[in-house]
Amino acid sequence: MARIVTLILLLSALSFNGLTADETALSSDEQILAQTLPANEVLWLENSNGKFLSLHRSHLAKMRRGIAIFVPETATNIINPDYIEPLRHHLNDVGWATLAIMPPPYIVSDDKPSAYAEALIERVNAALAWSTKEHQHTVLIMQGRQMAYLIEAHVQQHLQPVNAVVLVNALPAFTQSTEALSKQYPDSEAEFSAQLTAMTLPLLDLNHLDRSQTIENLTERKALAAKQQANYRQIKFYTRDNYLTATKSIYGWLSSIGLK
């Protein structure tokens, strides 16, 4: 238990230390971090900014169904104990390989307000490009605010194709400095839900009610999805330690949309 706590503290420190560094500088920190993680899971992916850390696990069931790519919440870490770490193990048991990628440092810059989103898109695209070499089906599992920075990239086809998206406690982007940026990276619940439910991708929206949106916000999002006839399903969790239940929900939903 002490080792897990130590790893979490180290990973969190590395995430925040990267706020003033570019991704090239961060890679050296990630090399140090990689030494504390299972060597058989460590995978270095590459984009235009250099290499970045990910953790890969193969499926354990007889049938290989595809790969789920985990994108932890901003300023968290690759073994985030809140859903990311449990699900990337549990999904292996039902036939899904998993790939968790280290999120880029959250950089706020007046000179380049889109810096974080661009870095995130590059990492997700690199993960998708690697995954599609061996897997027919690819699913993104996006935690917290991360999806708010990818919606426009998907609409503009700047994001590699993906079969479905699972949202975990999805939230709007951090407050943006201009109205144009607030449209580009929706920072209000109303705008985020409107853009989210307008997507043509199949969406599974998982929410633990003491860690994400209020029931009122989720009810409005669900109604908006029905109005837009979106391929959208919403699940609310009322109890903690529901990771096995969440795994069953994800597996069942993916099977229901033909990813089996």
Protein backbone atom coordinates (compact mmCIF):
# COMPACT_ATOMS: atom_id res chain seq x y z
CA MET A 1 0.00 0.00 0.00
CA ALA A 2 2.86 2.37 0.90
CA ARG A 3 4.44 1.72 -2.52
CA ILE A 4 1.21 2.65 -4.31
CA VAL A 5 0.90 5.89 -2.33
CA THR A 6 4.52 6.74 -3.09
CA LEU A 7 3.96 6.15 -6.82
CA ILE A 8 0.86 8.32 -6.84
CA LEU A 9 2.66 11.18 -5.09
CA LEU A 10 5.60 10.92 -7.49
CA LEU A 11 3.36 10.87 -10.54
CA SER A 12 1.35 13.86 -9.32
CA ALA A 13 4.51 15.83 -8.67
CA LEU A 14 5.80 15.11 -12.15
CA SER A 15 2.52 16.24 -13.70
CA PHE A 16 2.60 19.60 -11.95
CA ASN A 17 6.35 20.12 -12.39
CA GLY A 18 5.77 19.94 -16.14
CA LEU A 19 3.56 23.03 -16.19
CA THR A 20 6.42 25.31 -17.17
CA ALA A 21 8.35 22.85 -19.36
CA ASP A 22 7.80 21.74 -22.91
CA GLU A 23 7.16 18.11 -23.76
CA THR A 24 10.74 17.48 -24.81
CA ALA A 25 11.97 18.42 -21.33
CA LEU A 26 9.18 16.41 -19.73
CA SER A 27 10.31 13.21 -21.44
CA SER A 28 13.34 12.99 -19.13
CA ASP A 29 11.02 13.12 -16.10
CA GLU A 30 8.88 10.43 -17.68
CA GLN A 31 11.97 8.24 -18.13
CA ILE A 32 12.56 8.45 -14.38
CA LEU A 33 8.90 7.71 -13.73
CA ALA A 34 8.95 4.70 -16.06
CA GLN A 35 11.52 3.01 -13.81
CA THR A 36 8.90 2.79 -11.04
CA LEU A 37 6.27 1.14 -13.26
CA PRO A 38 5.94 -2.48 -14.51
CA ALA A 39 8.63 -2.86 -17.19
CA ASN A 40 6.46 -5.21 -19.24
CA GLU A 41 3.74 -2.53 -19.53
CA VAL A 42 5.89 0.52 -20.31
CA LEU A 43 5.57 1.65 -23.91
CA TRP A 44 7.15 4.77 -25.40
CA LEU A 45 5.05 6.45 -28.07
CA GLU A 46 6.29 9.30 -30.23
CA ASN A 47 4.96 12.49 -31.78
CA SER A 48 6.51 15.70 -33.11
CA ASN A 49 7.49 16.78 -29.58
CA GLY A 50 9.40 13.57 -28.85
CA LYS A 51 8.58 10.44 -26.88
CA PHE A 52 5.98 10.18 -24.16
CA LEU A 53 5.06 7.51 -21.65
CA SER A 54 2.20 5.04 -21.92
CA LEU A 55 1.26 1.75 -20.27
CA HIS A 56 0.02 -1.14 -22.40
CA ARG A 57 -1.70 -4.32 -21.28
CA SER A 58 -2.89 -7.15 -23.53
CA HIS A 59 -6.32 -8.75 -23.37
CA LEU A 60 -6.63 -11.82 -21.14
CA ALA A 61 -9.88 -13.34 -22.44
CA LYS A 62 -9.92 -15.87 -25.28
CA MET A 63 -11.41 -13.38 -27.73
CA ARG A 64 -9.63 -10.13 -28.62
CA ARG A 65 -12.23 -7.37 -28.97
CA GLY A 66 -10.08 -4.27 -29.50
CA ILE A 67 -8.16 -1.70 -27.49
CA ALA A 68 -9.31 0.95 -25.03
CA ILE A 69 -7.12 4.07 -24.84
CA PHE A 70 -7.25 5.86 -21.48
CA VAL A 71 -6.67 9.60 -21.22
CA PRO A 72 -6.50 10.59 -17.53
CA GLU A 73 -7.77 13.93 -16.27
CA THR A 74 -5.58 17.02 -16.71
CA ALA A 75 -2.73 17.33 -14.19
CA THR A 76 -3.30 13.77 -12.93
CA ASN A 77 -1.23 10.73 -13.81
CA ILE A 78 -1.04 7.57 -15.80
CA ILE A 79 -2.07 5.30 -12.90
CA ASN A 80 -4.79 7.57 -11.55
CA PRO A 81 -6.55 5.37 -8.93
CA ASP A 82 -9.88 7.04 -9.71
CA TYR A 83 -11.21 4.73 -12.47
CA ILE A 84 -8.12 4.78 -14.77
CA GLU A 85 -5.95 2.21 -12.96
CA PRO A 86 -8.78 -0.21 -12.03
CA LEU A 87 -10.47 -0.13 -15.45
CA ARG A 88 -7.27 -0.58 -17.46
CA HIS A 89 -6.86 -3.91 -15.62
CA HIS A 90 -10.48 -5.07 -15.44
CA LEU A 91 -11.18 -4.56 -19.16
CA ASN A 92 -8.40 -7.05 -20.00
CA ASP A 93 -10.53 -9.78 -18.44
CA VAL A 94 -13.35 -9.19 -20.94
CA GLY A 95 -11.21 -9.17 -24.07
CA TRP A 96 -10.03 -5.56 -24.35
CA ALA A 97 -6.39 -4.56 -24.50
CA THR A 98 -5.69 -1.26 -22.76
CA LEU A 99 -3.33 1.64 -23.37
CA ALA A 100 -3.08 4.48 -20.83
CA ILE A 101 -1.22 7.58 -22.00
CA MET A 102 0.45 10.24 -19.88
CA PRO A 103 -1.45 13.53 -20.38
CA PRO A 104 0.66 16.50 -21.44
CA PRO A 105 1.37 19.19 -18.83
CA TYR A 106 -1.44 21.69 -18.60
CA ILE A 107 0.14 24.87 -19.95
CA VAL A 108 -1.69 28.21 -19.91
CA SER A 109 -0.15 30.70 -22.32
CA ASP A 110 -1.52 34.01 -23.59
CA ASP A 111 0.78 33.70 -26.61
CA LYS A 112 -0.54 30.25 -27.51
CA PRO A 113 -3.90 29.58 -25.82
CA SER A 114 -4.40 26.34 -27.76
CA ALA A 115 -1.07 24.85 -26.63
CA TYR A 116 -2.61 22.27 -24.29
CA ALA A 117 -5.27 21.09 -26.73
CA GLU A 118 -2.71 20.74 -29.52
CA ALA A 119 -0.37 18.73 -27.30
CA LEU A 120 -3.25 16.50 -26.18
CA ILE A 121 -4.43 15.89 -29.76
CA GLU A 122 -0.91 14.91 -30.81
CA ARG A 123 -0.64 12.38 -28.01
CA VAL A 124 -4.07 10.89 -28.63
CA ASN A 125 -3.40 10.63 -32.37
CA ALA A 126 -0.07 8.90 -31.74
CA ALA A 127 -1.81 6.42 -29.44
CA LEU A 128 -4.53 5.76 -32.02
CA ALA A 129 -2.00 5.33 -34.84
CA TRP A 130 -0.08 2.76 -32.80
CA SER A 131 -3.24 0.95 -31.69
CA THR A 132 -4.78 0.53 -35.14
CA LYS A 133 -1.78 -1.46 -36.34
CA GLU A 134 -2.96 -4.48 -34.35
CA HIS A 135 -6.55 -3.75 -33.36
CA GLN A 136 -9.66 -3.40 -35.48
CA HIS A 137 -11.67 -1.57 -32.81
CA THR A 138 -10.42 1.48 -30.90
CA VAL A 139 -12.23 3.17 -28.03
CA LEU A 140 -11.24 6.35 -26.20
CA ILE A 141 -11.89 6.51 -22.45
CA MET A 142 -11.71 10.19 -21.52
CA GLN A 143 -11.66 11.35 -17.92
CA GLY A 144 -12.75 14.71 -16.54
CA ARG A 145 -12.14 17.76 -18.73
CA GLN A 146 -10.16 16.03 -21.47
CA MET A 147 -13.05 15.52 -23.91
CA ALA A 148 -13.78 19.24 -23.96
CA TYR A 149 -10.41 19.79 -25.64
CA LEU A 150 -11.00 17.13 -28.32
CA ILE A 151 -14.53 17.83 -29.59
CA GLU A 152 -13.47 20.40 -32.18
CA ALA A 153 -10.56 18.19 -33.32
CA HIS A 154 -13.04 15.39 -33.97
CA VAL A 155 -15.49 17.65 -35.80
CA GLN A 156 -12.70 19.13 -37.96
CA GLN A 157 -11.31 15.61 -38.58
CA HIS A 158 -8.01 16.46 -36.95
CA LEU A 159 -8.43 13.43 -34.72
CA GLN A 160 -7.66 9.91 -35.95
CA PRO A 161 -10.84 7.83 -36.46
CA VAL A 162 -12.16 6.03 -33.38
CA ASN A 163 -15.12 3.67 -32.96
CA ALA A 164 -16.57 5.02 -29.72
CA VAL A 165 -15.91 7.23 -26.70
CA VAL A 166 -16.47 6.48 -23.03
CA LEU A 167 -16.63 9.53 -20.75
CA VAL A 168 -15.73 9.23 -17.07
CA ASN A 169 -17.03 12.12 -14.94
CA ALA A 170 -16.89 14.47 -17.93
CA LEU A 171 -16.56 18.20 -17.26
CA PRO A 172 -16.28 21.36 -19.38
CA ALA A 173 -12.86 22.81 -20.18
CA PHE A 174 -11.15 25.23 -17.81
CA THR A 175 -12.36 28.82 -18.18
CA GLN A 176 -11.14 30.29 -21.46
CA SER A 177 -9.92 33.86 -21.99
CA THR A 178 -12.11 34.79 -24.97
CA GLU A 179 -15.57 34.00 -26.32
CA ALA A 180 -14.04 32.37 -29.39
CA LEU A 181 -11.94 30.04 -27.23
CA SER A 182 -15.00 29.22 -25.12
CA LYS A 183 -16.67 27.95 -28.29
CA GLN A 184 -13.55 26.10 -29.40
CA TYR A 185 -13.01 24.48 -25.99
CA PRO A 186 -16.44 24.63 -24.30
CA ASP A 187 -16.02 25.90 -20.73
CA SER A 188 -19.66 26.00 -19.62
CA GLU A 189 -21.89 23.02 -18.91
CA ALA A 190 -24.51 24.20 -21.43
CA GLU A 191 -22.05 24.64 -24.30
CA PHE A 192 -20.15 21.46 -23.45
CA SER A 193 -23.32 19.35 -23.39
CA ALA A 194 -24.56 20.91 -26.63
CA GLN A 195 -21.34 20.15 -28.49
CA LEU A 196 -20.99 16.73 -26.90
CA THR A 197 -24.45 15.52 -27.87
CA ALA A 198 -24.08 16.91 -31.39
CA MET A 199 -21.25 14.46 -32.09
CA THR A 200 -21.97 11.50 -34.32
CA LEU A 201 -19.71 9.16 -32.36
CA PRO A 202 -21.31 6.64 -30.00
CA LEU A 203 -20.92 8.04 -26.46
CA LEU A 204 -21.19 6.32 -23.08
CA ASP A 205 -21.36 8.90 -20.29
CA LEU A 206 -20.38 7.44 -16.90
CA ASN A 207 -20.83 9.66 -13.86
CA HIS A 208 -20.11 9.14 -10.18
CA LEU A 209 -22.44 11.67 -8.63
CA ASP A 210 -20.08 12.99 -5.95
CA ARG A 211 -17.22 13.51 -8.43
CA SER A 212 -18.78 15.05 -11.52
CA GLN A 213 -21.95 16.84 -12.53
CA THR A 214 -25.12 17.41 -10.55
CA ILE A 215 -28.19 15.31 -11.31
CA GLU A 216 -29.82 18.39 -12.83
CA ASN A 217 -26.97 18.94 -15.30
CA LEU A 218 -26.93 15.28 -16.27
CA THR A 219 -30.69 15.23 -16.76
CA GLU A 220 -30.43 18.22 -19.08
CA ARG A 221 -27.57 16.60 -21.00
CA LYS A 222 -29.57 13.40 -21.45
CA ALA A 223 -32.62 15.33 -22.68
CA LEU A 224 -30.47 17.26 -25.13
CA ALA A 225 -29.01 14.01 -26.46
CA ALA A 226 -32.51 12.62 -27.01
CA LYS A 227 -33.52 15.79 -28.84
CA GLN A 228 -30.45 15.58 -31.08
CA GLN A 229 -31.04 11.83 -31.57
CA ALA A 230 -27.46 11.25 -30.51
CA ASN A 231 -26.01 7.75 -30.11
CA TYR A 232 -25.70 8.43 -26.40
CA ARG A 233 -26.17 6.49 -23.19
CA GLN A 234 -25.81 7.84 -19.67
CA ILE A 235 -25.12 5.85 -16.51
CA LYS A 236 -25.05 7.27 -12.97
CA PHE A 237 -23.19 5.66 -10.08
CA TYR A 238 -24.33 6.38 -6.55
CA THR A 239 -21.79 4.30 -4.60
CA ARG A 240 -18.01 4.27 -4.40
CA ASP A 241 -15.73 1.40 -5.46
CA ASN A 242 -17.94 0.63 -8.46
CA TYR A 243 -15.10 -0.24 -10.85
CA LEU A 244 -16.31 -3.79 -11.57
CA THR A 245 -19.80 -2.42 -12.23
CA ALA A 246 -18.30 0.22 -14.51
CA THR A 247 -16.34 -2.47 -16.37
CA LYS A 248 -19.53 -4.49 -16.95
CA SER A 249 -21.32 -1.34 -18.13
CA ILE A 250 -18.57 -0.49 -20.62
CA TYR A 251 -18.31 -4.07 -21.90
CA GLY A 252 -22.09 -4.41 -22.28
CA TRP A 253 -22.45 -1.07 -24.05
CA LEU A 254 -19.58 -1.75 -26.45
CA SER A 255 -21.10 -5.12 -27.29
CA SER A 256 -24.50 -3.49 -27.85
CA ILE A 257 -23.07 -1.17 -30.52
CA GLY A 258 -21.34 -4.03 -32.32
CA LEU A 259 -17.84 -3.87 -30.84
CA LYS A 260 -17.55 -7.49 -29.83
